[in-house]
Protein backbone atom coordinates (compact mmCIF):
# COMPACT_ATOMS: atom_id res chain seq x y z
CA UNK A 1 -113.33 -165.60 115.67
CA UNK A 2 -112.58 -162.24 114.09
CA UNK A 3 -114.90 -159.47 115.18
CA UNK A 4 -116.13 -157.53 112.14
CA UNK A 5 -117.35 -154.46 114.01
CA UNK A 6 -116.36 -152.17 116.82
CA UNK A 7 -118.55 -150.02 119.01
CA UNK A 8 -117.80 -146.33 118.45
CA UNK A 9 -120.56 -144.89 120.60
CA UNK A 10 -123.80 -145.77 122.32
CA UNK A 11 -125.78 -147.99 119.90
CA UNK A 12 -123.29 -147.07 117.13
CA UNK A 13 -120.97 -149.56 115.38
CA UNK A 14 -118.40 -149.40 112.61
CA UNK A 15 -117.60 -152.28 110.28
CA UNK A 16 -114.00 -153.48 110.47
CA UNK A 17 -111.99 -155.81 108.30
CA UNK A 18 -108.83 -157.82 108.47
CA UNK A 19 -107.01 -159.73 111.12
CA UNK A 20 -104.43 -158.77 113.67
CA UNK A 21 -101.26 -160.83 113.95
CA UNK A 22 -102.73 -162.75 116.91
CA UNK A 23 -105.78 -163.79 114.87
CA UNK A 24 -103.79 -165.85 112.36
CA UNK A 25 -103.40 -169.53 113.24
CA UNK A 26 -101.22 -171.88 111.20
CA UNK A 27 -103.42 -174.26 109.24
CA UNK A 28 -106.49 -172.01 109.20
CA UNK A 29 -108.11 -171.64 105.77
CA UNK A 30 -110.13 -168.55 104.85
CA UNK A 31 -112.61 -168.86 101.99
CA UNK A 32 -112.84 -165.44 100.36
CA UNK A 33 -116.24 -164.33 99.10
CA UNK A 34 -117.78 -163.08 96.95
CA UNK A 35 -116.39 -164.61 93.79
CA UNK A 36 -115.97 -162.60 90.59
CA UNK A 37 -117.12 -163.47 87.11
CA UNK A 38 -114.43 -162.29 84.73
CA UNK A 39 -115.73 -160.35 81.75
CA UNK A 40 -114.18 -159.75 78.38
CA UNK A 41 -114.09 -156.04 79.28
CA UNK A 42 -112.10 -156.79 82.49
CA UNK A 43 -109.59 -158.76 80.47
CA UNK A 44 -109.24 -156.22 77.65
CA UNK A 45 -108.98 -153.26 80.04
CA UNK A 46 -106.29 -154.88 82.19
CA UNK A 47 -104.41 -156.04 79.10
CA UNK A 48 -104.37 -152.55 77.63
CA UNK A 49 -103.61 -150.81 80.95
CA UNK A 50 -100.51 -152.96 81.34
CA UNK A 51 -99.47 -152.66 77.68
CA UNK A 52 -99.51 -156.42 77.21
CA UNK A 53 -99.53 -156.65 73.43
CA UNK A 54 -99.90 -160.41 73.06
CA UNK A 55 -102.95 -160.80 70.80
CA UNK A 56 -104.16 -163.98 72.49
CA UNK A 57 -105.63 -161.72 75.18
CA UNK A 58 -107.63 -159.33 72.98
CA UNK A 59 -107.77 -160.47 69.35
CA UNK A 60 -110.51 -163.10 68.99
CA UNK A 61 -109.50 -164.04 65.44
CA UNK A 62 -105.90 -164.63 66.49
CA UNK A 63 -107.02 -166.62 69.53
CA UNK A 64 -109.21 -168.88 67.36
CA UNK A 65 -106.00 -170.29 65.90
CA UNK A 66 -104.54 -171.12 69.34
CA UNK A 67 -104.98 -174.41 71.18
CA UNK A 68 -107.59 -172.65 73.34
CA UNK A 69 -109.71 -171.40 70.43
CA UNK A 70 -110.56 -168.17 72.24
CA UNK A 71 -109.00 -165.30 74.17
CA UNK A 72 -107.18 -166.11 77.38
CA UNK A 73 -107.53 -163.87 80.43
CA UNK A 74 -104.17 -162.19 80.99
CA UNK A 75 -102.47 -163.90 83.95
CA UNK A 76 -101.47 -160.76 85.91
CA UNK A 77 -105.19 -159.89 86.09
CA UNK A 78 -105.95 -163.31 87.55
CA UNK A 79 -103.22 -162.79 90.16
CA UNK A 80 -104.37 -159.25 90.99
CA UNK A 81 -107.98 -160.37 91.33
CA UNK A 82 -107.09 -163.21 93.70
CA UNK A 83 -104.93 -160.91 95.83
CA UNK A 84 -107.81 -158.45 95.97
CA UNK A 85 -110.22 -161.18 97.05
CA UNK A 86 -107.94 -162.06 99.98
CA UNK A 87 -107.52 -158.52 101.33
CA UNK A 88 -110.56 -158.41 103.61
CA UNK A 89 -109.56 -161.64 105.38
CA UNK A 90 -105.78 -161.49 105.24
CA UNK A 91 -104.18 -158.13 104.53
CA UNK A 92 -106.74 -155.40 105.32
CA UNK A 93 -104.64 -154.42 108.36
CA UNK A 94 -101.26 -155.14 106.71
CA UNK A 95 -98.48 -152.63 107.05
CA UNK A 96 -96.76 -154.01 103.95
CA UNK A 97 -96.75 -156.87 101.51
CA UNK A 98 -93.23 -158.25 101.77
CA UNK A 99 -93.24 -160.47 98.73
CA UNK A 100 -94.74 -163.32 96.78
CA UNK A 101 -93.25 -166.68 95.93
CA UNK A 102 -94.19 -169.75 93.93
CA UNK A 103 -96.72 -168.02 91.66
CA UNK A 104 -98.20 -170.66 89.36
CA UNK A 105 -100.90 -170.45 86.71
CA UNK A 106 -102.16 -174.02 86.54
CA UNK A 107 -105.15 -173.74 84.20
CA UNK A 108 -106.38 -171.17 81.68
CA UNK A 109 -108.96 -168.53 82.62
CA UNK A 110 -111.52 -167.32 80.09
CA UNK A 111 -114.07 -164.52 80.04
CA UNK A 112 -117.18 -165.91 81.69
CA UNK A 113 -115.28 -167.91 84.32
CA UNK A 114 -116.16 -167.14 87.92
CA UNK A 115 -113.15 -167.16 90.23
CA UNK A 116 -113.09 -167.88 93.95
CA UNK A 117 -110.13 -167.73 96.32
CA UNK A 118 -109.06 -169.28 99.58
CA UNK A 119 -105.96 -168.74 101.67
CA UNK A 120 -104.22 -171.03 104.16
CA UNK A 121 -101.95 -169.71 106.89
CA UNK A 122 -98.57 -171.43 106.42
CA UNK A 123 -96.41 -169.64 108.98
CA UNK A 124 -96.23 -166.70 111.36
CA UNK A 125 -93.57 -165.17 113.54
CA UNK A 126 -93.10 -161.99 115.52
CA UNK A 127 -90.86 -159.43 113.89
CA UNK A 128 -87.38 -159.34 115.38
CA UNK A 129 -86.94 -155.64 114.55
CA UNK A 130 -90.45 -154.18 114.65
CA UNK A 131 -92.20 -154.48 118.02
CA UNK A 132 -95.95 -154.94 117.79
CA UNK A 133 -95.73 -156.48 114.32
CA UNK A 134 -95.33 -159.93 112.85
CA UNK A 135 -94.81 -161.70 109.54
CA UNK A 136 -97.58 -163.96 108.27
CA UNK A 137 -97.20 -166.28 105.27
CA UNK A 138 -100.28 -167.47 103.41
CA UNK A 139 -100.86 -169.64 100.35
CA UNK A 140 -103.74 -168.53 98.16
CA UNK A 141 -105.53 -170.81 95.70
CA UNK A 142 -107.73 -169.47 92.94
CA UNK A 143 -110.42 -171.78 91.63
CA UNK A 144 -112.92 -171.43 88.82
CA UNK A 145 -116.61 -172.29 88.98
CA UNK A 146 -115.82 -175.97 88.37
CA UNK A 147 -113.34 -176.14 91.26
CA UNK A 148 -110.33 -176.26 88.93
CA UNK A 149 -107.31 -174.57 90.50
CA UNK A 150 -106.21 -171.83 88.09
CA UNK A 151 -103.54 -170.08 90.19
CA UNK A 152 -101.57 -170.52 93.41
CA UNK A 153 -99.12 -168.25 95.19
CA UNK A 154 -97.52 -167.68 98.59
CA UNK A 155 -97.52 -164.21 100.11
CA UNK A 156 -95.62 -162.72 103.06
CA UNK A 157 -97.23 -159.81 104.88
CA UNK A 158 -96.20 -157.58 107.78
CA UNK A 159 -99.22 -157.53 110.10
CA UNK A 160 -99.72 -155.39 113.22
CA UNK A 161 -100.53 -156.89 116.60
CA UNK A 162 -103.74 -155.80 118.31
CA UNK A 163 -103.43 -152.18 119.41
CA UNK A 164 -100.77 -151.39 116.78
CA UNK A 165 -102.85 -151.00 113.58
CA UNK A 166 -103.63 -147.63 112.02
CA UNK A 167 -107.31 -147.90 112.97
CA UNK A 168 -106.29 -148.52 116.59
CA UNK A 169 -104.42 -145.21 116.65
CA UNK A 170 -106.69 -142.91 114.61
CA UNK A 171 -109.77 -141.90 116.62
CA UNK A 172 -112.14 -141.31 113.69
CA UNK A 173 -111.31 -144.49 111.79
């Protein structure tokens, strides 16, 4: 069980997040909460911030003529949101994200959908070149409110062992 607080003084506690390398066990599944209801504003803002000019993401009249009949949520937003949802459980203590593989968008996402994420630990190994650190591989699934899987991806992260994270070394953190 991951402890989500540490005592920093008499009757004084600080909330903590994330897991150390030792806390990850192959086969464990973490359900990330809360979910997030995607809004039209979220979709339009992310689309414009990333200069994605495909009108299916922001032009309702154009989208009416598509097979979906309405605007689609831009897929990089879906991916970013699901990564964000997994941070508290999986990568809050990460030193680095090392890469993503097998990113798949398996169903459309629309404004008004509520997304939830869960991550399964696929593999872990101690780093051969970085003492006190290890590589953890997770697979994250994003599901909508109906349980339909909308996105999957694998992510490799460099995670510190207990006693080697930034918050273990900085007194005020």
